[in-house]
Amino acid sequence: MPHPVDVHVGKRVRHRRWLVGMTQQQLAEHVGIKFQQIQKYETGANRVSASRLWDIADALEVPVSFFFEGLDEGAEAPTSGESGVPADLLGDKEALDLVRSYYAIPENQRRRLFELARVLSDVA
């Protein structure tokens, strides 16, 4: 059974990779390993060594500490809050795709879209 920290780090690797639009193959090539190893890291099946995590952080352009953010020792699994937003929002591929698409929109249109979303959520 994988250690919860390994699972958390793997999820953060996957989330960041999705966010930047990188495939497992591309990340593996940048790091110098096979894509199957990336799969194992992302599921927590294999533990990521410190030096490998350093290389992954470099490839994904984040500090190593990024992979440990949100990790609270002894905490329960994240649950949905009162707002109906999942606590692990980055765990939702659709949400990540939405964020990626949102930031691809020119800034002036993005602000208008944001205001529209805010109005629609107030009505719901």
PDB file of N, CA and C in Angstrom:
ATOM      1  N   MET A   1       0.849  -1.178   0.000  1.00  0.00           N
ATOM      2  CA  MET A   1       0.000   0.000   0.000  1.00  0.00           C
ATOM      3  C   MET A   1       0.898   1.246   0.000  1.00  0.00           C
ATOM      4  N   PRO A   2       0.656   2.166  -0.942  1.00  0.00           N
ATOM      5  CA  PRO A   2       1.507   3.358  -1.018  1.00  0.00           C
ATOM      6  C   PRO A   2       1.332   4.267   0.192  1.00  0.00           C
ATOM      7  N   HIS A   3       2.406   4.957   0.534  1.00  0.00           N
ATOM      8  CA  HIS A   3       2.370   5.917   1.635  1.00  0.00           C
ATOM      9  C   HIS A   3       1.578   7.149   1.181  1.00  0.00           C
ATOM     10  N   PRO A   4       0.748   7.727   2.050  1.00  0.00           N
ATOM     11  CA  PRO A   4      -0.058   8.893   1.666  1.00  0.00           C
ATOM     12  C   PRO A   4       0.764  10.073   1.122  1.00  0.00           C
ATOM     13  N   VAL A   5       1.974  10.259   1.629  1.00  0.00           N
ATOM     14  CA  VAL A   5       2.821  11.348   1.129  1.00  0.00           C
ATOM     15  C   VAL A   5       3.222  11.076  -0.316  1.00  0.00           C
ATOM     16  N   ASP A   6       3.547   9.828  -0.635  1.00  0.00           N
ATOM     17  CA  ASP A   6       3.916   9.476  -2.009  1.00  0.00           C
ATOM     18  C   ASP A   6       2.733   9.689  -2.955  1.00  0.00           C
ATOM     19  N   VAL A   7       1.544   9.357  -2.491  1.00  0.00           N
ATOM     20  CA  VAL A   7       0.336   9.565  -3.298  1.00  0.00           C
ATOM     21  C   VAL A   7       0.115  11.060  -3.518  1.00  0.00           C
ATOM     22  N   HIS A   8       0.276  11.849  -2.464  1.00  0.00           N
ATOM     23  CA  HIS A   8       0.085  13.299  -2.567  1.00  0.00           C
ATOM     24  C   HIS A   8       1.086  13.915  -3.546  1.00  0.00           C
ATOM     25  N   VAL A   9       2.352  13.562  -3.416  1.00  0.00           N
ATOM     26  CA  VAL A   9       3.383  14.087  -4.315  1.00  0.00           C
ATOM     27  C   VAL A   9       3.069  13.675  -5.748  1.00  0.00           C
ATOM     28  N   GLY A  10       2.665  12.432  -5.952  1.00  0.00           N
ATOM     29  CA  GLY A  10       2.327  11.963  -7.295  1.00  0.00           C
ATOM     30  C   GLY A  10       1.164  12.732  -7.900  1.00  0.00           C
ATOM     31  N   LYS A  11       0.149  13.009  -7.085  1.00  0.00           N
ATOM     32  CA  LYS A  11      -0.993  13.792  -7.573  1.00  0.00           C
ATOM     33  C   LYS A  11      -0.558  15.191  -7.979  1.00  0.00           C
ATOM     34  N   ARG A  12       0.327  15.783  -7.183  1.00  0.00           N
ATOM     35  CA  ARG A  12       0.807  17.127  -7.495  1.00  0.00           C
ATOM     36  C   ARG A  12       1.635  17.128  -8.784  1.00  0.00           C
ATOM     37  N   VAL A  13       2.407  16.071  -9.009  1.00  0.00           N
ATOM     38  CA  VAL A  13       3.152  15.951 -10.270  1.00  0.00           C
ATOM     39  C   VAL A  13       2.160  15.908 -11.428  1.00  0.00           C
ATOM     40  N   ARG A  14       1.161  15.041 -11.322  1.00  0.00           N
ATOM     41  CA  ARG A  14       0.162  14.899 -12.389  1.00  0.00           C
ATOM     42  C   ARG A  14      -0.584  16.211 -12.626  1.00  0.00           C
ATOM     43  N   HIS A  15      -0.998  16.873 -11.555  1.00  0.00           N
ATOM     44  CA  HIS A  15      -1.750  18.123 -11.692  1.00  0.00           C
ATOM     45  C   HIS A  15      -0.934  19.192 -12.403  1.00  0.00           C
ATOM     46  N   ARG A  16       0.308  19.331 -11.994  1.00  0.00           N
ATOM     47  CA  ARG A  16       1.156  20.346 -12.624  1.00  0.00           C
ATOM     48  C   ARG A  16       1.405  20.000 -14.091  1.00  0.00           C
ATOM     49  N   ARG A  17       1.639  18.724 -14.360  1.00  0.00           N
ATOM     50  CA  ARG A  17       1.890  18.283 -15.737  1.00  0.00           C
ATOM     51  C   ARG A  17       0.676  18.595 -16.599  1.00  0.00           C
ATOM     52  N   TRP A  18      -0.532  18.304 -16.106  1.00  0.00           N
ATOM     53  CA  TRP A  18      -1.766  18.614 -16.842  1.00  0.00           C
ATOM     54  C   TRP A  18      -1.890  20.116 -17.063  1.00  0.00           C
ATOM     55  N   LEU A  19      -1.594  20.870 -16.000  1.00  0.00           N
ATOM     56  CA  LEU A  19      -1.758  22.319 -16.069  1.00  0.00           C
ATOM     57  C   LEU A  19      -0.866  22.946 -17.141  1.00  0.00           C
ATOM     58  N   VAL A  20       0.334  22.441 -17.295  1.00  0.00           N
ATOM     59  CA  VAL A  20       1.234  22.999 -18.305  1.00  0.00           C
ATOM     60  C   VAL A  20       1.050  22.325 -19.659  1.00  0.00           C
ATOM     61  N   GLY A  21       0.167  21.329 -19.734  1.00  0.00           N
ATOM     62  CA  GLY A  21      -0.117  20.675 -21.009  1.00  0.00           C
ATOM     63  C   GLY A  21       0.983  19.733 -21.477  1.00  0.00           C
ATOM     64  N   MET A  22       1.650  19.095 -20.540  1.00  0.00           N
ATOM     65  CA  MET A  22       2.745  18.187 -20.868  1.00  0.00           C
ATOM     66  C   MET A  22       2.272  16.743 -20.740  1.00  0.00           C
ATOM     67  N   THR A  23       2.691  15.887 -21.654  1.00  0.00           N
ATOM     68  CA  THR A  23       2.345  14.468 -21.564  1.00  0.00           C
ATOM     69  C   THR A  23       3.322  13.760 -20.640  1.00  0.00           C
ATOM     70  N   GLN A  24       2.940  12.552 -20.237  1.00  0.00           N
ATOM     71  CA  GLN A  24       3.864  11.744 -19.426  1.00  0.00           C
ATOM     72  C   GLN A  24       5.143  11.471 -20.208  1.00  0.00           C
ATOM     73  N   GLN A  25       5.002  11.228 -21.499  1.00  0.00           N
ATOM     74  CA  GLN A  25       6.163  10.956 -22.345  1.00  0.00           C
ATOM     75  C   GLN A  25       7.105  12.161 -22.380  1.00  0.00           C
ATOM     76  N   GLN A  26       6.555  13.349 -22.534  1.00  0.00           N
ATOM     77  CA  GLN A  26       7.382  14.558 -22.589  1.00  0.00           C
ATOM     78  C   GLN A  26       8.114  14.784 -21.270  1.00  0.00           C
ATOM     79  N   LEU A  27       7.411  14.587 -20.173  1.00  0.00           N
ATOM     80  CA  LEU A  27       8.050  14.754 -18.864  1.00  0.00           C
ATOM     81  C   LEU A  27       9.152  13.712 -18.682  1.00  0.00           C
ATOM     82  N   ALA A  28       8.849  12.486 -19.047  1.00  0.00           N
ATOM     83  CA  ALA A  28       9.843  11.415 -18.916  1.00  0.00           C
ATOM     84  C   ALA A  28      11.091  11.720 -19.726  1.00  0.00           C
ATOM     85  N   GLU A  29      10.919  12.199 -20.949  1.00  0.00           N
ATOM     86  CA  GLU A  29      12.066  12.531 -21.789  1.00  0.00           C
ATOM     87  C   GLU A  29      12.904  13.650 -21.179  1.00  0.00           C
ATOM     88  N   HIS A  30      12.226  14.648 -20.614  1.00  0.00           N
ATOM     89  CA  HIS A  30      12.949  15.763 -19.995  1.00  0.00           C
ATOM     90  C   HIS A  30      13.757  15.296 -18.795  1.00  0.00           C
ATOM     91  N   VAL A  31      13.203  14.335 -18.069  1.00  0.00           N
ATOM     92  CA  VAL A  31      13.835  13.838 -16.844  1.00  0.00           C
ATOM     93  C   VAL A  31      14.823  12.707 -17.138  1.00  0.00           C
ATOM     94  N   GLY A  32      14.668  12.052 -18.294  1.00  0.00           N
ATOM     95  CA  GLY A  32      15.584  10.977 -18.669  1.00  0.00           C
ATOM     96  C   GLY A  32      15.177   9.608 -18.165  1.00  0.00           C
ATOM     97  N   ILE A  33      13.862   9.361 -18.103  1.00  0.00           N
ATOM     98  CA  ILE A  33      13.355   8.053 -17.671  1.00  0.00           C
ATOM     99  C   ILE A  33      12.247   7.628 -18.629  1.00  0.00           C
ATOM    100  N   LYS A  34      11.690   6.439 -18.406  1.00  0.00           N
ATOM    101  CA  LYS A  34      10.580   5.935 -19.217  1.00  0.00           C
ATOM    102  C   LYS A  34       9.264   6.507 -18.697  1.00  0.00           C
ATOM    103  N   PHE A  35       8.295   6.661 -19.605  1.00  0.00           N
ATOM    104  CA  PHE A  35       7.011   7.242 -19.187  1.00  0.00           C
ATOM    105  C   PHE A  35       6.297   6.350 -18.174  1.00  0.00           C
ATOM    106  N   GLN A  36       6.567   5.045 -18.204  1.00  0.00           N
ATOM    107  CA  GLN A  36       5.930   4.149 -17.231  1.00  0.00           C
ATOM    108  C   GLN A  36       6.329   4.515 -15.802  1.00  0.00           C
ATOM    109  N   GLN A  37       7.553   5.023 -15.653  1.00  0.00           N
ATOM    110  CA  GLN A  37       8.010   5.426 -14.318  1.00  0.00           C
ATOM    111  C   GLN A  37       7.237   6.660 -13.856  1.00  0.00           C
ATOM    112  N   ILE A  38       6.952   7.565 -14.778  1.00  0.00           N
ATOM    113  CA  ILE A  38       6.143   8.734 -14.437  1.00  0.00           C
ATOM    114  C   ILE A  38       4.766   8.271 -13.978  1.00  0.00           C
ATOM    115  N   GLN A  39       4.192   7.290 -14.688  1.00  0.00           N
ATOM    116  CA  GLN A  39       2.885   6.741 -14.292  1.00  0.00           C
ATOM    117  C   GLN A  39       2.942   6.230 -12.861  1.00  0.00           C
ATOM    118  N   LYS A  40       3.994   5.505 -12.528  1.00  0.00           N
ATOM    119  CA  LYS A  40       4.119   4.939 -11.184  1.00  0.00           C
ATOM    120  C   LYS A  40       4.286   6.031 -10.133  1.00  0.00           C
ATOM    121  N   TYR A  41       5.034   7.089 -10.474  1.00  0.00           N
ATOM    122  CA  TYR A  41       5.167   8.218  -9.543  1.00  0.00           C
ATOM    123  C   TYR A  41       3.817   8.882  -9.313  1.00  0.00           C
ATOM    124  N   GLU A  42       3.073   9.092 -10.397  1.00  0.00           N
ATOM    125  CA  GLU A  42       1.808   9.815 -10.303  1.00  0.00           C
ATOM    126  C   GLU A  42       0.747   9.063  -9.498  1.00  0.00           C
ATOM    127  N   THR A  43       0.809   7.762  -9.484  1.00  0.00           N
ATOM    128  CA  THR A  43      -0.150   6.985  -8.700  1.00  0.00           C
ATOM    129  C   THR A  43       0.328   6.750  -7.269  1.00  0.00           C
ATOM    130  N   GLY A  44       1.591   7.060  -7.017  1.00  0.00           N
ATOM    131  CA  GLY A  44       2.158   6.803  -5.697  1.00  0.00           C
ATOM    132  C   GLY A  44       2.655   5.387  -5.542  1.00  0.00           C
ATOM    133  N   ALA A  45       2.600   4.599  -6.627  1.00  0.00           N
ATOM    134  CA  ALA A  45       3.066   3.213  -6.571  1.00  0.00           C
ATOM    135  C   ALA A  45       4.572   3.163  -6.322  1.00  0.00           C
ATOM    136  N   ASN A  46       5.310   4.125  -6.883  1.00  0.00           N
ATOM    137  CA  ASN A  46       6.752   4.239  -6.652  1.00  0.00           C
ATOM    138  C   ASN A  46       7.040   5.574  -5.991  1.00  0.00           C
ATOM    139  N   ARG A  47       7.960   5.546  -5.065  1.00  0.00           N
ATOM    140  CA  ARG A  47       8.383   6.753  -4.356  1.00  0.00           C
ATOM    141  C   ARG A  47       9.381   7.512  -5.224  1.00  0.00           C
ATOM    142  N   VAL A  48       9.236   8.842  -5.279  1.00  0.00           N
ATOM    143  CA  VAL A  48      10.135   9.687  -6.055  1.00  0.00           C
ATOM    144  C   VAL A  48      11.333  10.057  -5.184  1.00  0.00           C
ATOM    145  N   SER A  49      12.537   9.789  -5.673  1.00  0.00           N
ATOM    146  CA  SER A  49      13.735  10.163  -4.921  1.00  0.00           C
ATOM    147  C   SER A  49      13.897  11.681  -4.940  1.00  0.00           C
ATOM    148  N   ALA A  50      14.692  12.207  -4.027  1.00  0.00           N
ATOM    149  CA  ALA A  50      14.901  13.653  -3.934  1.00  0.00           C
ATOM    150  C   ALA A  50      15.498  14.210  -5.222  1.00  0.00           C
ATOM    151  N   SER A  51      16.493  13.525  -5.772  1.00  0.00           N
ATOM    152  CA  SER A  51      17.126  14.025  -6.990  1.00  0.00           C
ATOM    153  C   SER A  51      16.173  13.967  -8.182  1.00  0.00           C
ATOM    154  N   ARG A  52      15.348  12.944  -8.257  1.00  0.00           N
ATOM    155  CA  ARG A  52      14.374  12.839  -9.342  1.00  0.00           C
ATOM    156  C   ARG A  52      13.289  13.912  -9.192  1.00  0.00           C
ATOM    157  N   LEU A  53      12.873  14.158  -7.951  1.00  0.00           N
ATOM    158  CA  LEU A  53      11.877  15.196  -7.710  1.00  0.00           C
ATOM    159  C   LEU A  53      12.436  16.564  -8.107  1.00  0.00           C
ATOM    160  N   TRP A  54      13.717  16.765  -7.859  1.00  0.00           N
ATOM    161  CA  TRP A  54      14.389  17.997  -8.260  1.00  0.00           C
ATOM    162  C   TRP A  54      14.308  18.167  -9.788  1.00  0.00           C
ATOM    163  N   ASP A  55      14.589  17.077 -10.515  1.00  0.00           N
ATOM    164  CA  ASP A  55      14.534  17.109 -11.982  1.00  0.00           C
ATOM    165  C   ASP A  55      13.108  17.349 -12.485  1.00  0.00           C
ATOM    166  N   ILE A  56      12.135  16.725 -11.836  1.00  0.00           N
ATOM    167  CA  ILE A  56      10.732  16.888 -12.224  1.00  0.00           C
ATOM    168  C   ILE A  56      10.296  18.331 -11.978  1.00  0.00           C
ATOM    169  N   ALA A  57      10.694  18.883 -10.834  1.00  0.00           N
ATOM    170  CA  ALA A  57      10.362  20.274 -10.516  1.00  0.00           C
ATOM    171  C   ALA A  57      10.952  21.211 -11.564  1.00  0.00           C
ATOM    172  N   ASP A  58      12.177  20.930 -11.992  1.00  0.00           N
ATOM    173  CA  ASP A  58      12.817  21.745 -13.026  1.00  0.00           C
ATOM    174  C   ASP A  58      12.049  21.644 -14.342  1.00  0.00           C
ATOM    175  N   ALA A  59      11.664  20.447 -14.714  1.00  0.00           N
ATOM    176  CA  ALA A  59      10.929  20.230 -15.964  1.00  0.00           C
ATOM    177  C   ALA A  59       9.568  20.914 -15.942  1.00  0.00           C
ATOM    178  N   LEU A  60       8.922  20.935 -14.784  1.00  0.00           N
ATOM    179  CA  LEU A  60       7.588  21.516 -14.660  1.00  0.00           C
ATOM    180  C   LEU A  60       7.624  22.977 -14.198  1.00  0.00           C
ATOM    181  N   GLU A  61       8.840  23.497 -14.014  1.00  0.00           N
ATOM    182  CA  GLU A  61       9.062  24.901 -13.660  1.00  0.00           C
ATOM    183  C   GLU A  61       8.352  25.322 -12.379  1.00  0.00           C
ATOM    184  N   VAL A  62       8.536  24.513 -11.338  1.00  0.00           N
ATOM    185  CA  VAL A  62       8.013  24.834 -10.007  1.00  0.00           C
ATOM    186  C   VAL A  62       9.100  24.514  -8.982  1.00  0.00           C
ATOM    187  N   PRO A  63       9.024  25.121  -7.790  1.00  0.00           N
ATOM    188  CA  PRO A  63       9.965  24.731  -6.736  1.00  0.00           C
ATOM    189  C   PRO A  63       9.600  23.340  -6.206  1.00  0.00           C
ATOM    190  N   VAL A  64      10.546  22.646  -5.655  1.00  0.00           N
ATOM    191  CA  VAL A  64      10.291  21.311  -5.104  1.00  0.00           C
ATOM    192  C   VAL A  64       9.192  21.365  -4.051  1.00  0.00           C
ATOM    193  N   SER A  65       9.126  22.443  -3.301  1.00  0.00           N
ATOM    194  CA  SER A  65       8.109  22.579  -2.249  1.00  0.00           C
ATOM    195  C   SER A  65       6.688  22.517  -2.801  1.00  0.00           C
ATOM    196  N   PHE A  66       6.502  22.829  -4.088  1.00  0.00           N
ATOM    197  CA  PHE A  66       5.178  22.772  -4.718  1.00  0.00           C
ATOM    198  C   PHE A  66       4.523  21.409  -4.506  1.00  0.00           C
ATOM    199  N   PHE A  67       5.322  20.348  -4.572  1.00  0.00           N
ATOM    200  CA  PHE A  67       4.781  18.994  -4.507  1.00  0.00           C
ATOM    201  C   PHE A  67       4.293  18.621  -3.109  1.00  0.00           C
ATOM    202  N   PHE A  68       4.664  19.411  -2.111  1.00  0.00           N
ATOM    203  CA  PHE A  68       4.259  19.125  -0.739  1.00  0.00           C
ATOM    204  C   PHE A  68       3.178  20.083  -0.242  1.00  0.00           C
ATOM    205  N   GLU A  69       2.809  21.062  -1.065  1.00  0.00           N
ATOM    206  CA  GLU A  69       1.771  22.009  -0.667  1.00  0.00           C
ATOM    207  C   GLU A  69       0.454  21.268  -0.442  1.00  0.00           C
ATOM    208  N   GLY A  70      -0.258  21.668   0.594  1.00  0.00           N
ATOM    209  CA  GLY A  70      -1.543  21.058   0.892  1.00  0.00           C
ATOM    210  C   GLY A  70      -1.439  19.773   1.681  1.00  0.00           C
ATOM    211  N   LEU A  71      -0.226  19.380   1.992  1.00  0.00           N
ATOM    212  CA  LEU A  71      -0.028  18.157   2.760  1.00  0.00           C
ATOM    213  C   LEU A  71      -0.079  18.512   4.234  1.00  0.00           C
ATOM    214  N   ASP A  72      -1.045  17.939   4.921  1.00  0.00           N
ATOM    215  CA  ASP A  72      -1.215  18.218   6.337  1.00  0.00           C
ATOM    216  C   ASP A  72      -1.127  16.905   7.077  1.00  0.00           C
ATOM    217  N   GLU A  73      -0.047  16.710   7.795  1.00  0.00           N
ATOM    218  CA  GLU A  73       0.195  15.446   8.480  1.00  0.00           C
ATOM    219  C   GLU A  73      -0.951  15.087   9.407  1.00  0.00           C
ATOM    220  N   GLY A  74      -1.482  13.902   9.218  1.00  0.00           N
ATOM    221  CA  GLY A  74      -2.546  13.404  10.080  1.00  0.00           C
ATOM    222  C   GLY A  74      -3.930  13.916   9.724  1.00  0.00           C
ATOM    223  N   ALA A  75      -4.030  14.687   8.652  1.00  0.00           N
ATOM    224  CA  ALA A  75      -5.344  15.237   8.290  1.00  0.00           C
ATOM    225  C   ALA A  75      -6.180  14.194   7.571  1.00  0.00           C
ATOM    226  N   GLU A  76      -7.472  14.373   7.654  1.00  0.00           N
ATOM    227  CA  GLU A  76      -8.400  13.520   6.913  1.00  0.00           C
ATOM    228  C   GLU A  76      -8.283  13.839   5.433  1.00  0.00           C
ATOM    229  N   ALA A  77      -8.808  12.986   4.601  1.00  0.00           N
ATOM    230  CA  ALA A  77      -8.830  13.250   3.168  1.00  0.00           C
ATOM    231  C   ALA A  77      -9.669  14.493   2.912  1.00  0.00           C
ATOM    232  N   PRO A  78      -9.237  15.317   1.932  1.00  0.00           N
ATOM    233  CA  PRO A  78     -10.007  16.532   1.648  1.00  0.00           C
ATOM    234  C   PRO A  78     -11.438  16.209   1.250  1.00  0.00           C
ATOM    235  N   THR A  79     -12.343  17.040   1.722  1.00  0.00           N
ATOM    236  CA  THR A  79     -13.756  16.865   1.379  1.00  0.00           C
ATOM    237  C   THR A  79     -14.288  18.157   0.792  1.00  0.00           C
ATOM    238  N   SER A  80     -15.481  18.093   0.295  1.00  0.00           N
ATOM    239  CA  SER A  80     -16.116  19.265  -0.282  1.00  0.00           C
ATOM    240  C   SER A  80     -16.546  20.207   0.827  1.00  0.00           C
ATOM    241  N   GLY A  81     -16.282  21.494   0.620  1.00  0.00           N
ATOM    242  CA  GLY A  81     -16.660  22.496   1.601  1.00  0.00           C
ATOM    243  C   GLY A  81     -18.110  22.911   1.433  1.00  0.00           C
ATOM    244  N   GLU A  82     -18.541  23.896   2.229  1.00  0.00           N
ATOM    245  CA  GLU A  82     -19.917  24.384   2.158  1.00  0.00           C
ATOM    246  C   GLU A  82     -20.235  24.984   0.805  1.00  0.00           C
ATOM    247  N   SER A  83     -19.223  25.519   0.114  1.00  0.00           N
ATOM    248  CA  SER A  83     -19.450  26.171  -1.173  1.00  0.00           C
ATOM    249  C   SER A  83     -19.736  25.171  -2.287  1.00  0.00           C
ATOM    250  N   GLY A  84     -19.559  23.894  -2.025  1.00  0.00           N
ATOM    251  CA  GLY A  84     -19.770  22.882  -3.059  1.00  0.00           C
ATOM    252  C   GLY A  84     -18.554  22.673  -3.935  1.00  0.00           C
ATOM    253  N   VAL A  85     -17.471  23.381  -3.644  1.00  0.00           N
ATOM    254  CA  VAL A  85     -16.235  23.244  -4.404  1.00  0.00           C
ATOM    255  C   VAL A  85     -15.408  22.141  -3.760  1.00  0.00           C
ATOM    256  N   PRO A  86     -14.960  21.151  -4.551  1.00  0.00           N
ATOM    257  CA  PRO A  86     -14.136  20.084  -3.976  1.00  0.00           C
ATOM    258  C   PRO A  86     -12.871  20.646  -3.353  1.00  0.00           C
ATOM    259  N   ALA A  87     -12.452  20.110  -2.218  1.00  0.00           N
ATOM    260  CA  ALA A  87     -11.235  20.571  -1.560  1.00  0.00           C
ATOM    261  C   ALA A  87     -10.018  20.299  -2.430  1.00  0.00           C
ATOM    262  N   ASP A  88     -10.057  19.223  -3.198  1.00  0.00           N
ATOM    263  CA  ASP A  88      -8.946  18.884  -4.088  1.00  0.00           C
ATOM    264  C   ASP A  88      -9.333  19.262  -5.514  1.00  0.00           C
ATOM    265  N   LEU A  89      -9.528  20.556  -5.726  1.00  0.00           N
ATOM    266  CA  LEU A  89      -9.970  21.049  -7.030  1.00  0.00           C
ATOM    267  C   LEU A  89      -8.986  20.670  -8.133  1.00  0.00           C
ATOM    268  N   LEU A  90      -7.689  20.650  -7.809  1.00  0.00           N
ATOM    269  CA  LEU A  90      -6.699  20.304  -8.827  1.00  0.00           C
ATOM    270  C   LEU A  90      -6.754  18.826  -9.197  1.00  0.00           C
ATOM    271  N   GLY A  91      -7.509  18.038  -8.454  1.00  0.00           N
ATOM    272  CA  GLY A  91      -7.656  16.628  -8.781  1.00  0.00           C
ATOM    273  C   GLY A  91      -8.668  16.378  -9.884  1.00  0.00           C
ATOM    274  N   ASP A  92      -9.361  17.413 -10.299  1.00  0.00           N
ATOM    275  CA  ASP A  92     -10.387  17.292 -11.316  1.00  0.00           C
ATOM    276  C   ASP A  92      -9.817  17.721 -12.663  1.00  0.00           C
ATOM    277  N   LYS A  93      -9.660  16.777 -13.593  1.00  0.00           N
ATOM    278  CA  LYS A  93      -9.072  17.085 -14.892  1.00  0.00           C
ATOM    279  C   LYS A  93      -9.876  18.139 -15.634  1.00  0.00           C
ATOM    280  N   GLU A  94     -11.187  18.080 -15.528  1.00  0.00           N
ATOM    281  CA  GLU A  94     -12.033  19.068 -16.189  1.00  0.00           C
ATOM    282  C   GLU A  94     -11.744  20.475 -15.653  1.00  0.00           C
ATOM    283  N   ALA A  95     -11.556  20.595 -14.351  1.00  0.00           N
ATOM    284  CA  ALA A  95     -11.242  21.900 -13.761  1.00  0.00           C
ATOM    285  C   ALA A  95      -9.892  22.405 -14.255  1.00  0.00           C
ATOM    286  N   LEU A  96      -8.924  21.510 -14.361  1.00  0.00           N
ATOM    287  CA  LEU A  96      -7.609  21.908 -14.867  1.00  0.00           C
ATOM    288  C   LEU A  96      -7.691  22.347 -16.327  1.00  0.00           C
ATOM    289  N   ASP A  97      -8.465  21.621 -17.122  1.00  0.00           N
ATOM    290  CA  ASP A  97      -8.647  22.009 -18.526  1.00  0.00           C
ATOM    291  C   ASP A  97      -9.319  23.373 -18.618  1.00  0.00           C
ATOM    292  N   LEU A  98     -10.281  23.612 -17.736  1.00  0.00           N
ATOM    293  CA  LEU A  98     -10.979  24.893 -17.721  1.00  0.00           C
ATOM    294  C   LEU A  98     -10.020  26.032 -17.368  1.00  0.00           C
ATOM    295  N   VAL A  99      -9.189  25.820 -16.378  1.00  0.00           N
ATOM    296  CA  VAL A  99      -8.221  26.844 -15.983  1.00  0.00           C
ATOM    297  C   VAL A  99      -7.234  27.109 -17.116  1.00  0.00           C
ATOM    298  N   ARG A 100      -6.753  26.058 -17.745  1.00  0.00           N
ATOM    299  CA  ARG A 100      -5.812  26.209 -18.867  1.00  0.00           C
ATOM    300  C   ARG A 100      -6.471  27.002 -19.995  1.00  0.00           C
ATOM    301  N   SER A 101      -7.699  26.678 -20.316  1.00  0.00           N
ATOM    302  CA  SER A 101      -8.420  27.383 -21.375  1.00  0.00           C
ATOM    303  C   SER A 101      -8.680  28.835 -20.987  1.00  0.00           C
ATOM    304  N   TYR A 102      -9.043  29.058 -19.732  1.00  0.00           N
ATOM    305  CA  TYR A 102      -9.318  30.405 -19.231  1.00  0.00           C
ATOM    306  C   TYR A 102      -8.109  31.315 -19.443  1.00  0.00           C
ATOM    307  N   TYR A 103      -6.924  30.830 -19.092  1.00  0.00           N
ATOM    308  CA  TYR A 103      -5.729  31.657 -19.214  1.00  0.00           C
ATOM    309  C   TYR A 103      -5.232  31.790 -20.652  1.00  0.00           C
ATOM    310  N   ALA A 104      -5.800  31.024 -21.560  1.00  0.00           N
ATOM    311  CA  ALA A 104      -5.462  31.172 -22.972  1.00  0.00           C
ATOM    312  C   ALA A 104      -6.265  32.297 -23.625  1.00  0.00           C
ATOM    313  N   ILE A 105      -7.300  32.785 -22.939  1.00  0.00           N
ATOM    314  CA  ILE A 105      -8.154  33.860 -23.447  1.00  0.00           C
ATOM    315  C   ILE A 105      -7.454  35.198 -23.181  1.00  0.00           C
ATOM    316  N   PRO A 106      -7.518  36.140 -24.129  1.00  0.00           N
ATOM    317  CA  PRO A 106      -6.928  37.473 -23.893  1.00  0.00           C
ATOM    318  C   PRO A 106      -7.487  38.100 -22.617  1.00  0.00           C
ATOM    319  N   GLU A 107      -6.664  38.872 -21.932  1.00  0.00           N
ATOM    320  CA  GLU A 107      -7.000  39.375 -20.591  1.00  0.00           C
ATOM    321  C   GLU A 107      -8.303  40.164 -20.533  1.00  0.00           C
ATOM    322  N   ASN A 108      -8.558  41.042 -21.491  1.00  0.00           N
ATOM    323  CA  ASN A 108      -9.789  41.839 -21.422  1.00  0.00           C
ATOM    324  C   ASN A 108     -11.029  40.952 -21.558  1.00  0.00           C
ATOM    325  N   GLN A 109     -10.981  39.939 -22.412  1.00  0.00           N
ATOM    326  CA  GLN A 109     -12.101  39.001 -22.554  1.00  0.00           C
ATOM    327  C   GLN A 109     -12.206  38.101 -21.316  1.00  0.00           C
ATOM    328  N   ARG A 110     -11.045  37.767 -20.757  1.00  0.00           N
ATOM    329  CA  ARG A 110     -11.022  36.915 -19.569  1.00  0.00           C
ATOM    330  C   ARG A 110     -11.733  37.615 -18.413  1.00  0.00           C
ATOM    331  N   ARG A 111     -11.517  38.917 -18.226  1.00  0.00           N
ATOM    332  CA  ARG A 111     -12.185  39.660 -17.156  1.00  0.00           C
ATOM    333  C   ARG A 111     -13.692  39.651 -17.350  1.00  0.00           C
ATOM    334  N   ARG A 112     -14.138  39.813 -18.591  1.00  0.00           N
ATOM    335  CA  ARG A 112     -15.576  39.808 -18.875  1.00  0.00           C
ATOM    336  C   ARG A 112     -16.172  38.422 -18.624  1.00  0.00           C
ATOM    337  N   LEU A 113     -15.441  37.393 -19.004  1.00  0.00           N
ATOM    338  CA  LEU A 113     -15.901  36.025 -18.760  1.00  0.00           C
ATOM    339  C   LEU A 113     -15.992  35.757 -17.260  1.00  0.00           C
ATOM    340  N   PHE A 114     -15.031  36.250 -16.513  1.00  0.00           N
ATOM    341  CA  PHE A 114     -15.032  36.079 -15.065  1.00  0.00           C
ATOM    342  C   PHE A 114     -16.273  36.739 -14.448  1.00  0.00           C
ATOM    343  N   GLU A 115     -16.566  37.953 -14.878  1.00  0.00           N
ATOM    344  CA  GLU A 115     -17.750  38.653 -14.362  1.00  0.00           C
ATOM    345  C   GLU A 115     -19.032  37.904 -14.715  1.00  0.00           C
ATOM    346  N   LEU A 116     -19.103  37.359 -15.938  1.00  0.00           N
ATOM    347  CA  LEU A 116     -20.263  36.563 -16.340  1.00  0.00           C
ATOM    348  C   LEU A 116     -20.409  35.338 -15.435  1.00  0.00           C
ATOM    349  N   ALA A 117     -19.316  34.656 -15.190  1.00  0.00           N
ATOM    350  CA  ALA A 117     -19.344  33.469 -14.322  1.00  0.00           C
ATOM    351  C   ALA A 117     -19.782  33.841 -12.912  1.00  0.00           C
ATOM    352  N   ARG A 118     -19.322  34.972 -12.435  1.00  0.00           N
ATOM    353  CA  ARG A 118     -19.709  35.416 -11.092  1.00  0.00           C
ATOM    354  C   ARG A 118     -21.215  35.683 -11.029  1.00  0.00           C
ATOM    355  N   VAL A 119     -21.760  36.353 -12.028  1.00  0.00           N
ATOM    356  CA  VAL A 119     -23.196  36.641 -12.082  1.00  0.00           C
ATOM    357  C   VAL A 119     -24.002  35.342 -12.154  1.00  0.00           C
ATOM    358  N   LEU A 120     -23.563  34.429 -13.016  1.00  0.00           N
ATOM    359  CA  LEU A 120     -24.280  33.151 -13.153  1.00  0.00           C
ATOM    360  C   LEU A 120     -24.250  32.354 -11.856  1.00  0.00           C
ATOM    361  N   SER A 121     -23.143  32.395 -11.140  1.00  0.00           N
ATOM    362  CA  SER A 121     -23.060  31.627  -9.890  1.00  0.00           C
ATOM    363  C   SER A 121     -23.925  32.256  -8.808  1.00  0.00           C
ATOM    364  N   ASP A 122     -24.085  33.578  -8.839  1.00  0.00           N
ATOM    365  CA  ASP A 122     -24.959  34.239  -7.869  1.00  0.00           C
ATOM    366  C   ASP A 122     -26.429  33.881  -8.098  1.00  0.00           C
ATOM    367  N   VAL A 123     -26.793  33.678  -9.368  1.00  0.00           N
ATOM    368  CA  VAL A 123     -28.168  33.335  -9.723  1.00  0.00           C
ATOM    369  C   VAL A 123     -28.485  31.895  -9.342  1.00  0.00           C
ATOM    370  N   ALA A 124     -27.492  31.030  -9.465  1.00  0.00           N
ATOM    371  CA  ALA A 124     -27.699  29.603  -9.192  1.00  0.00           C
ATOM    372  C   ALA A 124     -27.894  29.398  -7.772  1.00  0.00           C
TER     373      ALA A 124
END
